[in-house]
N, C-alpha and C. Protein backbone atom coordinates (compact mmCIF):
# COMPACT_ATOMS: atom_id res chain seq x y z
N UNK A 1 -18.81 8.42 12.06
CA UNK A 1 -19.11 7.14 11.43
C UNK A 1 -18.04 6.83 10.40
N UNK A 2 -17.56 5.60 10.36
CA UNK A 2 -16.54 5.20 9.42
C UNK A 2 -17.19 4.64 8.17
N UNK A 3 -16.75 5.13 7.01
CA UNK A 3 -17.29 4.66 5.75
C UNK A 3 -16.77 3.25 5.47
N UNK A 4 -17.52 2.51 4.65
CA UNK A 4 -17.13 1.16 4.29
C UNK A 4 -15.78 1.09 3.60
N UNK A 5 -15.47 2.08 2.75
CA UNK A 5 -14.19 2.05 2.04
C UNK A 5 -13.02 2.21 3.01
N UNK A 6 -13.22 2.97 4.10
CA UNK A 6 -12.16 3.12 5.08
C UNK A 6 -11.93 1.81 5.83
N UNK A 7 -13.00 1.11 6.13
CA UNK A 7 -12.87 -0.18 6.79
C UNK A 7 -12.14 -1.15 5.87
N UNK A 8 -12.53 -1.19 4.61
CA UNK A 8 -11.88 -2.07 3.66
C UNK A 8 -10.40 -1.75 3.53
N UNK A 9 -10.07 -0.47 3.50
CA UNK A 9 -8.67 -0.07 3.38
C UNK A 9 -7.86 -0.56 4.58
N UNK A 10 -8.39 -0.41 5.77
CA UNK A 10 -7.68 -0.87 6.96
C UNK A 10 -7.51 -2.39 6.94
N UNK A 11 -8.51 -3.10 6.45
CA UNK A 11 -8.39 -4.56 6.34
C UNK A 11 -7.29 -4.93 5.35
N UNK A 12 -7.24 -4.23 4.24
CA UNK A 12 -6.20 -4.47 3.24
C UNK A 12 -4.84 -4.16 3.84
N UNK A 13 -4.73 -3.03 4.53
CA UNK A 13 -3.45 -2.66 5.15
C UNK A 13 -3.02 -3.72 6.15
N UNK A 14 -3.97 -4.27 6.92
CA UNK A 14 -3.66 -5.31 7.90
C UNK A 14 -3.11 -6.56 7.21
N UNK A 15 -3.73 -6.93 6.09
CA UNK A 15 -3.24 -8.09 5.33
C UNK A 15 -1.83 -7.83 4.81
N UNK A 16 -1.60 -6.64 4.28
CA UNK A 16 -0.28 -6.29 3.77
C UNK A 16 0.75 -6.31 4.89
N UNK A 17 0.39 -5.74 6.04
CA UNK A 17 1.32 -5.70 7.18
C UNK A 17 1.69 -7.11 7.60
N UNK A 18 0.72 -8.00 7.62
CA UNK A 18 0.99 -9.40 7.98
C UNK A 18 1.94 -10.04 6.98
N UNK A 19 1.67 -9.83 5.69
CA UNK A 19 2.53 -10.41 4.66
C UNK A 19 3.95 -9.83 4.73
N UNK A 20 4.05 -8.54 4.89
CA UNK A 20 5.38 -7.91 4.98
C UNK A 20 6.15 -8.44 6.18
N UNK A 21 5.45 -8.64 7.28
CA UNK A 21 6.10 -9.18 8.48
C UNK A 21 6.55 -10.62 8.24
N UNK A 22 5.70 -11.42 7.62
CA UNK A 22 6.05 -12.82 7.34
C UNK A 22 7.25 -12.91 6.41
N UNK A 23 7.30 -12.03 5.42
CA UNK A 23 8.40 -12.04 4.45
C UNK A 23 9.61 -11.28 4.96
N UNK A 24 9.50 -10.72 6.17
CA UNK A 24 10.57 -9.92 6.79
C UNK A 24 10.94 -8.71 5.93
N UNK A 25 9.92 -8.09 5.35
CA UNK A 25 10.12 -6.92 4.50
C UNK A 25 9.50 -5.66 5.07
N UNK A 26 9.03 -5.73 6.31
CA UNK A 26 8.37 -4.57 6.92
C UNK A 26 9.30 -3.37 6.99
N UNK A 27 10.52 -3.57 7.47
CA UNK A 27 11.46 -2.45 7.58
C UNK A 27 11.84 -1.90 6.21
N UNK A 28 11.98 -2.79 5.23
CA UNK A 28 12.29 -2.34 3.87
C UNK A 28 11.14 -1.51 3.30
N UNK A 29 9.89 -1.98 3.53
CA UNK A 29 8.73 -1.24 3.06
C UNK A 29 8.66 0.14 3.72
N UNK A 30 8.94 0.20 5.02
CA UNK A 30 8.96 1.49 5.71
C UNK A 30 10.02 2.41 5.13
N UNK A 31 11.20 1.85 4.85
CA UNK A 31 12.27 2.65 4.25
C UNK A 31 11.82 3.21 2.90
N UNK A 32 11.19 2.35 2.07
CA UNK A 32 10.70 2.82 0.77
C UNK A 32 9.65 3.91 0.92
N UNK A 33 8.73 3.71 1.84
CA UNK A 33 7.67 4.70 2.02
C UNK A 33 8.23 6.03 2.51
N UNK A 34 9.24 5.97 3.36
CA UNK A 34 9.80 7.20 3.93
C UNK A 34 10.78 7.89 3.00
N UNK A 35 11.61 7.12 2.31
CA UNK A 35 12.70 7.76 1.57
C UNK A 35 12.47 7.86 0.07
N UNK A 36 11.58 7.07 -0.46
CA UNK A 36 11.40 7.05 -1.91
C UNK A 36 10.15 7.81 -2.36
N UNK A 37 9.70 8.75 -1.56
CA UNK A 37 8.47 9.45 -1.89
C UNK A 37 8.50 10.15 -3.24
N UNK A 38 9.64 10.67 -3.72
CA UNK A 38 9.62 11.30 -5.04
C UNK A 38 9.29 10.34 -6.19
N UNK A 39 9.54 9.05 -6.01
CA UNK A 39 9.28 8.11 -7.09
C UNK A 39 7.95 7.37 -6.93
N UNK A 40 7.18 7.73 -5.94
CA UNK A 40 5.88 7.08 -5.74
C UNK A 40 4.98 7.26 -6.96
N UNK A 41 4.95 8.47 -7.53
CA UNK A 41 4.08 8.73 -8.68
C UNK A 41 4.51 7.88 -9.87
N UNK A 42 5.80 7.71 -10.05
CA UNK A 42 6.30 6.85 -11.13
C UNK A 42 5.87 5.41 -10.86
N UNK A 43 5.98 4.99 -9.61
CA UNK A 43 5.54 3.65 -9.23
C UNK A 43 4.06 3.43 -9.52
N UNK A 44 3.26 4.44 -9.24
CA UNK A 44 1.83 4.34 -9.52
C UNK A 44 1.58 4.16 -11.01
N UNK A 45 2.33 4.90 -11.82
CA UNK A 45 2.17 4.77 -13.27
C UNK A 45 2.58 3.37 -13.74
N UNK A 46 3.64 2.82 -13.16
CA UNK A 46 4.05 1.45 -13.51
C UNK A 46 2.99 0.43 -13.11
N UNK A 47 2.35 0.66 -11.98
CA UNK A 47 1.28 -0.24 -11.55
C UNK A 47 0.12 -0.16 -12.53
N UNK A 48 -0.23 1.05 -12.96
CA UNK A 48 -1.31 1.19 -13.95
C UNK A 48 -0.96 0.50 -15.25
N UNK A 49 0.29 0.63 -15.70
CA UNK A 49 0.72 -0.03 -16.94
C UNK A 49 0.64 -1.55 -16.79
N UNK A 50 1.02 -2.05 -15.63
CA UNK A 50 0.98 -3.48 -15.39
C UNK A 50 -0.37 -4.01 -14.94
N UNK A 51 -1.37 -3.15 -14.92
CA UNK A 51 -2.69 -3.55 -14.41
C UNK A 51 -3.23 -4.82 -15.07
N UNK A 52 -3.15 -4.97 -16.39
CA UNK A 52 -3.70 -6.20 -16.97
C UNK A 52 -3.05 -7.47 -16.41
N UNK A 53 -1.76 -7.43 -16.15
CA UNK A 53 -1.08 -8.59 -15.58
C UNK A 53 -1.37 -8.73 -14.10
N UNK A 54 -1.39 -7.61 -13.39
CA UNK A 54 -1.59 -7.64 -11.95
C UNK A 54 -2.99 -8.07 -11.55
N UNK A 55 -3.97 -7.80 -12.40
CA UNK A 55 -5.36 -8.15 -12.06
C UNK A 55 -5.54 -9.64 -11.83
N UNK A 56 -4.68 -10.45 -12.44
CA UNK A 56 -4.78 -11.90 -12.24
C UNK A 56 -4.32 -12.30 -10.84
N UNK A 57 -3.49 -11.46 -10.21
CA UNK A 57 -2.91 -11.80 -8.91
C UNK A 57 -3.38 -10.92 -7.76
N UNK A 58 -3.83 -9.72 -8.07
CA UNK A 58 -4.18 -8.75 -7.04
C UNK A 58 -5.66 -8.40 -7.15
N UNK A 59 -6.44 -8.65 -6.09
CA UNK A 59 -7.86 -8.26 -6.12
C UNK A 59 -8.01 -6.75 -6.35
N UNK A 60 -9.12 -6.37 -6.97
CA UNK A 60 -9.34 -4.98 -7.35
C UNK A 60 -9.24 -4.01 -6.17
N UNK A 61 -9.77 -4.37 -5.01
CA UNK A 61 -9.70 -3.48 -3.85
C UNK A 61 -8.27 -3.24 -3.41
N UNK A 62 -7.45 -4.27 -3.47
CA UNK A 62 -6.04 -4.12 -3.10
C UNK A 62 -5.30 -3.29 -4.15
N UNK A 63 -5.66 -3.46 -5.41
CA UNK A 63 -5.04 -2.69 -6.48
C UNK A 63 -5.32 -1.20 -6.28
N UNK A 64 -6.57 -0.86 -5.98
CA UNK A 64 -6.94 0.54 -5.74
C UNK A 64 -6.22 1.10 -4.51
N UNK A 65 -6.09 0.29 -3.47
CA UNK A 65 -5.40 0.74 -2.26
C UNK A 65 -3.93 1.00 -2.55
N UNK A 66 -3.31 0.15 -3.35
CA UNK A 66 -1.90 0.33 -3.70
C UNK A 66 -1.69 1.61 -4.50
N UNK A 67 -2.52 1.83 -5.51
CA UNK A 67 -2.35 3.06 -6.31
C UNK A 67 -2.65 4.29 -5.47
N UNK A 68 -3.58 4.18 -4.54
CA UNK A 68 -3.87 5.32 -3.65
C UNK A 68 -2.65 5.68 -2.81
N UNK A 69 -1.97 4.67 -2.29
CA UNK A 69 -0.77 4.90 -1.49
C UNK A 69 0.33 5.54 -2.34
N UNK A 70 0.47 5.06 -3.56
CA UNK A 70 1.54 5.57 -4.43
C UNK A 70 1.25 6.97 -4.95
N UNK A 71 -0.01 7.29 -5.18
CA UNK A 71 -0.36 8.59 -5.75
C UNK A 71 -0.49 9.70 -4.71
N UNK A 72 -0.84 9.34 -3.49
CA UNK A 72 -1.14 10.35 -2.48
C UNK A 72 -0.14 10.25 -1.34
N UNK A 73 0.75 11.23 -1.23
CA UNK A 73 1.74 11.20 -0.15
C UNK A 73 1.13 11.03 1.24
N UNK A 74 -0.03 11.61 1.47
CA UNK A 74 -0.67 11.48 2.78
C UNK A 74 -1.07 10.02 3.05
N UNK A 75 -1.49 9.31 2.00
CA UNK A 75 -1.84 7.90 2.16
C UNK A 75 -0.58 7.07 2.43
N UNK A 76 0.50 7.38 1.74
CA UNK A 76 1.76 6.67 1.96
C UNK A 76 2.23 6.87 3.40
N UNK A 77 2.13 8.09 3.88
CA UNK A 77 2.54 8.39 5.25
C UNK A 77 1.62 7.68 6.25
N UNK A 78 0.33 7.65 5.95
CA UNK A 78 -0.62 6.98 6.83
C UNK A 78 -0.34 5.47 6.88
N UNK A 79 -0.01 4.87 5.74
CA UNK A 79 0.31 3.44 5.74
C UNK A 79 1.61 3.17 6.49
N UNK A 80 2.59 4.05 6.33
CA UNK A 80 3.84 3.90 7.07
C UNK A 80 3.58 3.96 8.58
N UNK A 81 2.76 4.88 9.02
CA UNK A 81 2.41 4.97 10.44
C UNK A 81 1.67 3.72 10.89
N UNK A 82 0.78 3.22 10.05
CA UNK A 82 0.05 2.00 10.35
C UNK A 82 1.03 0.84 10.53
N UNK A 83 2.02 0.73 9.64
CA UNK A 83 3.02 -0.33 9.77
C UNK A 83 3.82 -0.21 11.06
N UNK A 84 4.14 1.01 11.44
CA UNK A 84 4.90 1.22 12.68
C UNK A 84 4.10 0.80 13.91
N UNK A 85 2.79 0.97 13.86
CA UNK A 85 1.93 0.67 15.00
C UNK A 85 1.58 -0.81 15.09
N UNK A 86 1.62 -1.53 13.96
CA UNK A 86 1.25 -2.94 13.96
C UNK A 86 2.31 -3.75 14.70
N UNK A 87 1.87 -4.71 15.51
CA UNK A 87 2.85 -5.54 16.24
C UNK A 87 3.61 -6.48 15.31
């Protein structure tokens, strides 16, 4: 059985994949996810610092999904694989 949070995460990833494709940044995002893994934790900290500003633009569920990807290498790798599989 799939938990609700996993379904929400996949929906968020699908929205991100669509946006990245529209902005033609999918390959750049994949490059960042694959090659910049040592700085993911720093990126997560920057996101937390910017949280008061970001909350006006980024829904809470998407904010949590972003920090999860940045903090957990397995999540970053899973999102990269998801991007590769999306048409």
